[in-house]
Amino acid sequence: MRKDHRPYIIKRLDLGFQRWYANYFLRPQLKSLGEGCHFMKPWFVEIFGGPIAVGAYTHIIATPDRRVRLTVWSTLEGGGRIEIGNYCLVCPGVRLSAGSEIVIGDSVMLAQGAFVTDSDWHGLYDRSLSVGQSAPVRIGRNAWIGDSAIVAKGVTIGENSIIGAGAVVIRDIPPNVVAVGNPATVIKELDPERSIKTRGDWMADPQALAAQFAEIDRDAMKNNTWLGWLRSMIRPVKGD
């Protein structure tokens, strides 16, 4: 991993530009965008159709090779929609594709490459322009959808449950369990005696958290110089 050689002010300007980009280009495409939402590399977030709503203090991370795609496309009466709750985490490569309805609760984490769809997108015998069979998907508060997992139409995932990496979820998953495999099956129940800290808990005081991260950045980058930053881009050396 390359060290960040930028002077602290450059990082702050970069973060400000990303906020501006999200507000200028992404916000108009959304039904709503909650307070404190943060997009990392928002130019790699693709939005098609609507309505799509994103709750407060949700983080959406995209990369050049792992774009985030939020898509609503429907031939059904009333159309489709996507609703993402507060304090959620959407990692690179996540795709949400709605023909009817996808509702994601507060503090849900969607790991890299997770795919959530409420439709087949074609019929068995009618493979023309159609969403095929479709049924709403609901992911409960504080659920965790693992790397490259697939959540299929008509599924409800219960509060706090964890879906393992690469799992294919085709039937309901109850609250407070771990489910893995294809098709996903429950292999473990969470300990009811142990409390679960959510992203909402972690971000209960967003201003204090932002100040803490800013202080960490200032300390980590305090020795960075303009010349050192330029040198690292033009002529990188071992240890950069």
C-alpha atoms as a PDB file:
ATOM      1  CA  MET A   1       0.000   0.000   0.000  1.00  0.00           C
ATOM      2  CA  ARG A   2       1.385   3.379  -1.026  1.00  0.00           C
ATOM      3  CA  LYS A   3       1.829   6.001   1.649  1.00  0.00           C
ATOM      4  CA  ASP A   4      -0.231   9.158   1.267  1.00  0.00           C
ATOM      5  CA  HIS A   5       2.455  11.795   0.634  1.00  0.00           C
ATOM      6  CA  ARG A   6       0.006  14.655   0.134  1.00  0.00           C
ATOM      7  CA  PRO A   7       0.158  17.687   2.382  1.00  0.00           C
ATOM      8  CA  TYR A   8      -2.800  17.692   4.761  1.00  0.00           C
ATOM      9  CA  ILE A   9      -4.420  20.655   3.010  1.00  0.00           C
ATOM     10  CA  ILE A  10      -4.504  18.735  -0.283  1.00  0.00           C
ATOM     11  CA  LYS A  11      -6.388  15.865   1.332  1.00  0.00           C
ATOM     12  CA  ARG A  12      -8.908  18.300   2.810  1.00  0.00           C
ATOM     13  CA  LEU A  13      -9.392  19.920  -0.592  1.00  0.00           C
ATOM     14  CA  ASP A  14      -9.830  16.489  -2.182  1.00  0.00           C
ATOM     15  CA  LEU A  15     -12.503  15.538   0.357  1.00  0.00           C
ATOM     16  CA  GLY A  16     -14.237  18.855  -0.254  1.00  0.00           C
ATOM     17  CA  PHE A  17     -14.220  18.265  -4.015  1.00  0.00           C
ATOM     18  CA  GLN A  18     -15.745  14.806  -3.541  1.00  0.00           C
ATOM     19  CA  ARG A  19     -18.533  16.337  -1.418  1.00  0.00           C
ATOM     20  CA  TRP A  20     -19.148  18.961  -4.081  1.00  0.00           C
ATOM     21  CA  TYR A  21     -19.230  16.348  -6.854  1.00  0.00           C
ATOM     22  CA  ALA A  22     -21.737  14.181  -4.974  1.00  0.00           C
ATOM     23  CA  ASN A  23     -24.006  17.144  -4.286  1.00  0.00           C
ATOM     24  CA  TYR A  24     -23.777  18.537  -7.799  1.00  0.00           C
ATOM     25  CA  PHE A  25     -23.977  15.350  -9.871  1.00  0.00           C
ATOM     26  CA  LEU A  26     -25.487  12.598  -7.681  1.00  0.00           C
ATOM     27  CA  ARG A  27     -27.964  14.401  -5.422  1.00  0.00           C
ATOM     28  CA  PRO A  28     -30.185  15.532  -8.351  1.00  0.00           C
ATOM     29  CA  GLN A  29     -30.534  11.905  -9.467  1.00  0.00           C
ATOM     30  CA  LEU A  30     -31.765  10.760  -6.053  1.00  0.00           C
ATOM     31  CA  LYS A  31     -35.162  11.118  -4.442  1.00  0.00           C
ATOM     32  CA  SER A  32     -33.354  12.067  -1.235  1.00  0.00           C
ATOM     33  CA  LEU A  33     -29.820  12.127   0.141  1.00  0.00           C
ATOM     34  CA  GLY A  34     -29.519  12.333   3.907  1.00  0.00           C
ATOM     35  CA  GLU A  35     -27.347  14.600   5.993  1.00  0.00           C
ATOM     36  CA  GLY A  36     -23.706  13.602   6.364  1.00  0.00           C
ATOM     37  CA  CYS A  37     -23.605  11.057   3.527  1.00  0.00           C
ATOM     38  CA  HIS A  38     -20.076  10.493   2.271  1.00  0.00           C
ATOM     39  CA  PHE A  39     -19.041   9.230  -1.144  1.00  0.00           C
ATOM     40  CA  MET A  40     -15.495   8.061  -1.832  1.00  0.00           C
ATOM     41  CA  LYS A  41     -14.709   8.488  -5.541  1.00  0.00           C
ATOM     42  CA  PRO A  42     -18.322   9.488  -6.350  1.00  0.00           C
ATOM     43  CA  TRP A  43     -17.530   9.666 -10.092  1.00  0.00           C
ATOM     44  CA  PHE A  44     -17.493   5.863 -10.028  1.00  0.00           C
ATOM     45  CA  VAL A  45     -21.052   5.667  -8.662  1.00  0.00           C
ATOM     46  CA  GLU A  46     -23.639   4.979 -11.379  1.00  0.00           C
ATOM     47  CA  ILE A  47     -27.326   5.760 -10.815  1.00  0.00           C
ATOM     48  CA  PHE A  48     -30.023   4.690 -13.241  1.00  0.00           C
ATOM     49  CA  GLY A  49     -33.741   5.257 -12.781  1.00  0.00           C
ATOM     50  CA  GLY A  50     -35.556   5.924  -9.540  1.00  0.00           C
ATOM     51  CA  PRO A  51     -36.839   6.700  -7.044  1.00  0.00           C
ATOM     52  CA  ILE A  52     -33.701   5.985  -4.984  1.00  0.00           C
ATOM     53  CA  ALA A  53     -33.352   7.288  -1.430  1.00  0.00           C
ATOM     54  CA  VAL A  54     -30.155   7.237   0.654  1.00  0.00           C
ATOM     55  CA  GLY A  55     -30.307   7.848   4.402  1.00  0.00           C
ATOM     56  CA  ALA A  56     -28.164  10.009   6.679  1.00  0.00           C
ATOM     57  CA  TYR A  57     -24.469   9.289   7.352  1.00  0.00           C
ATOM     58  CA  THR A  58     -24.300   6.456   4.856  1.00  0.00           C
ATOM     59  CA  HIS A  59     -20.878   5.794   3.285  1.00  0.00           C
ATOM     60  CA  ILE A  60     -20.634   4.711  -0.352  1.00  0.00           C
ATOM     61  CA  ILE A  61     -17.190   3.682  -1.619  1.00  0.00           C
ATOM     62  CA  ALA A  62     -16.459   3.171  -5.314  1.00  0.00           C
ATOM     63  CA  THR A  63     -13.266   2.425  -7.262  1.00  0.00           C
ATOM     64  CA  PRO A  64     -12.410   2.473 -10.982  1.00  0.00           C
ATOM     65  CA  ASP A  65     -12.558  -1.324 -11.262  1.00  0.00           C
ATOM     66  CA  ARG A  66     -15.437  -1.758  -8.791  1.00  0.00           C
ATOM     67  CA  ARG A  67     -18.149   0.741  -9.560  1.00  0.00           C
ATOM     68  CA  VAL A  68     -21.236   1.002  -7.378  1.00  0.00           C
ATOM     69  CA  ARG A  69     -24.429   0.677  -9.420  1.00  0.00           C
ATOM     70  CA  LEU A  70     -27.887   1.638  -8.136  1.00  0.00           C
ATOM     71  CA  THR A  71     -30.510   0.731 -10.723  1.00  0.00           C
ATOM     72  CA  VAL A  72     -34.299   0.967 -10.810  1.00  0.00           C
ATOM     73  CA  TRP A  73     -35.890  -0.337 -13.982  1.00  0.00           C
ATOM     74  CA  SER A  74     -39.427  -1.612 -14.041  1.00  0.00           C
ATOM     75  CA  THR A  75     -42.251  -2.611 -16.353  1.00  0.00           C
ATOM     76  CA  LEU A  76     -44.502  -3.250 -13.342  1.00  0.00           C
ATOM     77  CA  GLU A  77     -47.421  -1.031 -12.386  1.00  0.00           C
ATOM     78  CA  GLY A  78     -46.185   1.509  -9.867  1.00  0.00           C
ATOM     79  CA  GLY A  79     -42.552   0.977 -10.911  1.00  0.00           C
ATOM     80  CA  GLY A  80     -39.710   0.104  -8.574  1.00  0.00           C
ATOM     81  CA  ARG A  81     -37.702   1.802  -5.860  1.00  0.00           C
ATOM     82  CA  ILE A  82     -34.566   1.517  -3.704  1.00  0.00           C
ATOM     83  CA  GLU A  83     -34.361   2.755  -0.136  1.00  0.00           C
ATOM     84  CA  ILE A  84     -31.057   2.700   1.776  1.00  0.00           C
ATOM     85  CA  GLY A  85     -31.253   3.500   5.502  1.00  0.00           C
ATOM     86  CA  ASN A  86     -29.114   5.622   7.807  1.00  0.00           C
ATOM     87  CA  TYR A  87     -25.486   4.770   8.733  1.00  0.00           C
ATOM     88  CA  CYS A  88     -25.136   2.116   6.028  1.00  0.00           C
ATOM     89  CA  LEU A  89     -21.889   1.053   4.359  1.00  0.00           C
ATOM     90  CA  VAL A  90     -21.836   0.329   0.623  1.00  0.00           C
ATOM     91  CA  CYS A  91     -18.462  -1.052  -0.511  1.00  0.00           C
ATOM     92  CA  PRO A  92     -16.892  -1.117  -4.000  1.00  0.00           C
ATOM     93  CA  GLY A  93     -18.639  -3.236  -6.609  1.00  0.00           C
ATOM     94  CA  VAL A  94     -22.020  -3.357  -4.874  1.00  0.00           C
ATOM     95  CA  ARG A  95     -25.008  -3.562  -7.236  1.00  0.00           C
ATOM     96  CA  LEU A  96     -28.618  -2.926  -6.232  1.00  0.00           C
ATOM     97  CA  SER A  97     -31.089  -3.682  -9.034  1.00  0.00           C
ATOM     98  CA  ALA A  98     -34.784  -3.085  -8.397  1.00  0.00           C
ATOM     99  CA  GLY A  99     -37.768  -3.909 -10.551  1.00  0.00           C
ATOM    100  CA  SER A 100     -40.172  -3.697  -7.620  1.00  0.00           C
ATOM    101  CA  GLU A 101     -38.622  -2.768  -4.247  1.00  0.00           C
ATOM    102  CA  ILE A 102     -35.375  -3.075  -2.312  1.00  0.00           C
ATOM    103  CA  VAL A 103     -35.428  -1.723   1.244  1.00  0.00           C
ATOM    104  CA  ILE A 104     -32.202  -1.723   3.283  1.00  0.00           C
ATOM    105  CA  GLY A 105     -32.412  -0.952   6.994  1.00  0.00           C
ATOM    106  CA  ASP A 106     -30.225   1.274   9.133  1.00  0.00           C
ATOM    107  CA  SER A 107     -26.574   0.323   9.775  1.00  0.00           C
ATOM    108  CA  VAL A 108     -26.529  -2.413   7.105  1.00  0.00           C
ATOM    109  CA  MET A 109     -23.099  -3.246   5.665  1.00  0.00           C
ATOM    110  CA  LEU A 110     -22.798  -4.418   2.053  1.00  0.00           C
ATOM    111  CA  ALA A 111     -19.316  -5.828   1.414  1.00  0.00           C
ATOM    112  CA  GLN A 112     -17.404  -5.657  -1.851  1.00  0.00           C
ATOM    113  CA  GLY A 113     -19.202  -7.116  -4.850  1.00  0.00           C
ATOM    114  CA  ALA A 114     -22.481  -7.876  -3.082  1.00  0.00           C
ATOM    115  CA  PHE A 115     -25.467  -8.062  -5.456  1.00  0.00           C
ATOM    116  CA  VAL A 116     -29.049  -7.472  -4.344  1.00  0.00           C
ATOM    117  CA  THR A 117     -31.845  -7.925  -6.863  1.00  0.00           C
ATOM    118  CA  ASP A 118     -35.611  -8.225  -6.549  1.00  0.00           C
ATOM    119  CA  SER A 119     -36.230  -9.587 -10.043  1.00  0.00           C
ATOM    120  CA  ASP A 120     -35.199 -12.308 -12.498  1.00  0.00           C
ATOM    121  CA  TRP A 121     -34.968  -9.704 -15.302  1.00  0.00           C
ATOM    122  CA  HIS A 122     -36.234 -12.181 -17.886  1.00  0.00           C
ATOM    123  CA  GLY A 123     -38.978 -14.812 -17.947  1.00  0.00           C
ATOM    124  CA  LEU A 124     -38.344 -18.483 -18.594  1.00  0.00           C
ATOM    125  CA  TYR A 125     -40.249 -18.244 -21.870  1.00  0.00           C
ATOM    126  CA  ASP A 126     -40.477 -14.479 -22.425  1.00  0.00           C
ATOM    127  CA  ARG A 127     -36.944 -13.191 -22.722  1.00  0.00           C
ATOM    128  CA  SER A 128     -37.902  -9.879 -24.238  1.00  0.00           C
ATOM    129  CA  LEU A 129     -37.863  -6.539 -22.408  1.00  0.00           C
ATOM    130  CA  SER A 130     -39.315  -7.639 -19.064  1.00  0.00           C
ATOM    131  CA  VAL A 131     -38.324  -7.814 -15.397  1.00  0.00           C
ATOM    132  CA  GLY A 132     -39.603 -11.392 -15.204  1.00  0.00           C
ATOM    133  CA  GLN A 133     -40.736 -12.566 -11.798  1.00  0.00           C
ATOM    134  CA  SER A 134     -40.247  -9.904  -9.142  1.00  0.00           C
ATOM    135  CA  ALA A 135     -40.778  -9.685  -5.374  1.00  0.00           C
ATOM    136  CA  PRO A 136     -39.550  -7.114  -2.814  1.00  0.00           C
ATOM    137  CA  VAL A 137     -36.284  -7.595  -0.919  1.00  0.00           C
ATOM    138  CA  ARG A 138     -35.891  -6.361   2.651  1.00  0.00           C
ATOM    139  CA  ILE A 139     -32.622  -6.365   4.575  1.00  0.00           C
ATOM    140  CA  GLY A 140     -33.069  -5.763   8.289  1.00  0.00           C
ATOM    141  CA  ARG A 141     -31.284  -3.298  10.522  1.00  0.00           C
ATOM    142  CA  ASN A 142     -27.575  -3.976  11.152  1.00  0.00           C
ATOM    143  CA  ALA A 143     -27.361  -6.954   8.782  1.00  0.00           C
ATOM    144  CA  TRP A 144     -23.996  -7.690   7.164  1.00  0.00           C
ATOM    145  CA  ILE A 145     -23.929  -8.966   3.579  1.00  0.00           C
ATOM    146  CA  GLY A 146     -20.551 -10.576   2.847  1.00  0.00           C
ATOM    147  CA  ASP A 147     -18.160 -10.238  -0.063  1.00  0.00           C
ATOM    148  CA  SER A 148     -19.705 -11.254  -3.427  1.00  0.00           C
ATOM    149  CA  ALA A 149     -22.907 -12.548  -1.803  1.00  0.00           C
ATOM    150  CA  ILE A 150     -26.103 -12.560  -3.875  1.00  0.00           C
ATOM    151  CA  VAL A 151     -29.509 -11.737  -2.382  1.00  0.00           C
ATOM    152  CA  ALA A 152     -32.322 -12.797  -4.690  1.00  0.00           C
ATOM    153  CA  LYS A 153     -35.938 -11.717  -5.176  1.00  0.00           C
ATOM    154  CA  GLY A 154     -38.512 -12.017  -2.409  1.00  0.00           C
ATOM    155  CA  VAL A 155     -35.971 -12.462   0.387  1.00  0.00           C
ATOM    156  CA  THR A 156     -36.141 -10.916   3.846  1.00  0.00           C
ATOM    157  CA  ILE A 157     -32.942 -10.929   5.918  1.00  0.00           C
ATOM    158  CA  GLY A 158     -33.485 -10.410   9.636  1.00  0.00           C
ATOM    159  CA  GLU A 159     -31.933  -7.843  11.931  1.00  0.00           C
ATOM    160  CA  ASN A 160     -28.249  -8.342  12.841  1.00  0.00           C
ATOM    161  CA  SER A 161     -27.842 -11.399  10.613  1.00  0.00           C
ATOM    162  CA  ILE A 162     -24.641 -12.097   8.695  1.00  0.00           C
ATOM    163  CA  ILE A 163     -24.546 -13.505   5.169  1.00  0.00           C
ATOM    164  CA  GLY A 164     -21.214 -15.182   4.427  1.00  0.00           C
ATOM    165  CA  ALA A 165     -18.949 -14.368   1.498  1.00  0.00           C
ATOM    166  CA  GLY A 166     -20.169 -15.817  -1.790  1.00  0.00           C
ATOM    167  CA  ALA A 167     -23.494 -16.997  -0.353  1.00  0.00           C
ATOM    168  CA  VAL A 168     -26.607 -17.100  -2.536  1.00  0.00           C
ATOM    169  CA  VAL A 169     -29.717 -16.165  -0.554  1.00  0.00           C
ATOM    170  CA  ILE A 170     -32.948 -17.446  -2.116  1.00  0.00           C
ATOM    171  CA  ARG A 171     -35.098 -17.811   1.009  1.00  0.00           C
ATOM    172  CA  ASP A 172     -35.734 -15.759   4.137  1.00  0.00           C
ATOM    173  CA  ILE A 173     -33.015 -15.589   6.796  1.00  0.00           C
ATOM    174  CA  PRO A 174     -34.175 -15.018  10.400  1.00  0.00           C
ATOM    175  CA  PRO A 175     -32.714 -12.352  12.697  1.00  0.00           C
ATOM    176  CA  ASN A 176     -29.490 -12.839  14.673  1.00  0.00           C
ATOM    177  CA  VAL A 177     -27.951 -15.712  12.703  1.00  0.00           C
ATOM    178  CA  VAL A 178     -25.029 -16.488  10.398  1.00  0.00           C
ATOM    179  CA  ALA A 179     -25.937 -18.009   7.019  1.00  0.00           C
ATOM    180  CA  VAL A 180     -23.524 -19.313   4.381  1.00  0.00           C
ATOM    181  CA  GLY A 181     -23.464 -21.375   1.197  1.00  0.00           C
ATOM    182  CA  ASN A 182     -25.468 -21.856  -1.987  1.00  0.00           C
ATOM    183  CA  PRO A 183     -28.293 -21.851  -1.229  1.00  0.00           C
ATOM    184  CA  ALA A 184     -27.591 -19.981   2.013  1.00  0.00           C
ATOM    185  CA  THR A 185     -28.444 -21.915   5.177  1.00  0.00           C
ATOM    186  CA  VAL A 186     -28.167 -20.960   8.825  1.00  0.00           C
ATOM    187  CA  ILE A 187     -25.075 -22.404  10.519  1.00  0.00           C
ATOM    188  CA  LYS A 188     -24.974 -20.389  13.729  1.00  0.00           C
ATOM    189  CA  GLU A 189     -27.098 -18.263  16.025  1.00  0.00           C
ATOM    190  CA  LEU A 190     -25.653 -15.108  17.564  1.00  0.00           C
ATOM    191  CA  ASP A 191     -25.249 -15.081  21.350  1.00  0.00           C
ATOM    192  CA  PRO A 192     -28.310 -13.274  22.771  1.00  0.00           C
ATOM    193  CA  GLU A 193     -26.307 -12.369  25.887  1.00  0.00           C
ATOM    194  CA  ARG A 194     -23.807 -10.273  23.909  1.00  0.00           C
ATOM    195  CA  SER A 195     -24.604  -6.742  22.809  1.00  0.00           C
ATOM    196  CA  ILE A 196     -23.977  -5.712  19.202  1.00  0.00           C
ATOM    197  CA  LYS A 197     -22.394  -2.365  18.393  1.00  0.00           C
ATOM    198  CA  THR A 198     -23.846  -0.939  15.181  1.00  0.00           C
ATOM    199  CA  ARG A 199     -22.529   1.664  12.767  1.00  0.00           C
ATOM    200  CA  GLY A 200     -25.263   3.890  14.143  1.00  0.00           C
ATOM    201  CA  ASP A 201     -23.767   3.529  17.622  1.00  0.00           C
ATOM    202  CA  TRP A 202     -20.283   4.251  16.270  1.00  0.00           C
ATOM    203  CA  MET A 203     -21.526   7.391  14.529  1.00  0.00           C
ATOM    204  CA  ALA A 204     -23.775   8.630  17.335  1.00  0.00           C
ATOM    205  CA  ASP A 205     -21.732  11.848  17.490  1.00  0.00           C
ATOM    206  CA  PRO A 206     -20.713  12.447  13.858  1.00  0.00           C
ATOM    207  CA  GLN A 207     -19.078  15.816  14.524  1.00  0.00           C
ATOM    208  CA  ALA A 208     -16.798  14.365  17.210  1.00  0.00           C
ATOM    209  CA  LEU A 209     -15.966  11.395  14.961  1.00  0.00           C
ATOM    210  CA  ALA A 210     -15.112  13.699  12.054  1.00  0.00           C
ATOM    211  CA  ALA A 211     -12.856  15.761  14.332  1.00  0.00           C
ATOM    212  CA  GLN A 212     -11.128  12.586  15.510  1.00  0.00           C
ATOM    213  CA  PHE A 213     -10.420  11.471  11.931  1.00  0.00           C
ATOM    214  CA  ALA A 214      -9.171  14.937  11.028  1.00  0.00           C
ATOM    215  CA  GLU A 215      -6.770  14.846  13.979  1.00  0.00           C
ATOM    216  CA  ILE A 216      -5.498  11.409  12.900  1.00  0.00           C
ATOM    217  CA  ASP A 217      -4.908  12.736   9.369  1.00  0.00           C
ATOM    218  CA  ARG A 218      -3.091  15.816  10.636  1.00  0.00           C
ATOM    219  CA  ASP A 219      -0.781  13.688  12.755  1.00  0.00           C
ATOM    220  CA  ALA A 220      -0.128  11.108  10.008  1.00  0.00           C
ATOM    221  CA  MET A 221       0.589  13.782   7.386  1.00  0.00           C
ATOM    222  CA  LYS A 222       2.391  16.374   9.506  1.00  0.00           C
ATOM    223  CA  ASN A 223       5.786  15.688   7.900  1.00  0.00           C
ATOM    224  CA  ASN A 224       4.495  15.636   4.321  1.00  0.00           C
ATOM    225  CA  THR A 225       5.831  18.381   2.059  1.00  0.00           C
ATOM    226  CA  TRP A 226       4.852  19.708  -1.352  1.00  0.00           C
ATOM    227  CA  LEU A 227       8.218  18.690  -2.831  1.00  0.00           C
ATOM    228  CA  GLY A 228       7.986  15.216  -1.290  1.00  0.00           C
ATOM    229  CA  TRP A 229       4.491  14.757  -2.691  1.00  0.00           C
ATOM    230  CA  LEU A 230       5.545  15.807  -6.202  1.00  0.00           C
ATOM    231  CA  ARG A 231       8.634  13.595  -6.042  1.00  0.00           C
ATOM    232  CA  SER A 232       6.497  10.571  -5.011  1.00  0.00           C
ATOM    233  CA  MET A 233       4.317  11.028  -8.097  1.00  0.00           C
ATOM    234  CA  ILE A 234       7.101  11.699 -10.589  1.00  0.00           C
ATOM    235  CA  ARG A 235       9.830   9.427  -9.266  1.00  0.00           C
ATOM    236  CA  PRO A 236       8.539   6.935  -6.680  1.00  0.00           C
ATOM    237  CA  VAL A 237      11.080   4.927  -4.714  1.00  0.00           C
ATOM    238  CA  LYS A 238      10.993   1.856  -2.513  1.00  0.00           C
ATOM    239  CA  GLY A 239       9.054   2.600   0.643  1.00  0.00           C
ATOM    240  CA  ASP A 240       6.657   5.056  -1.003  1.00  0.00           C
END
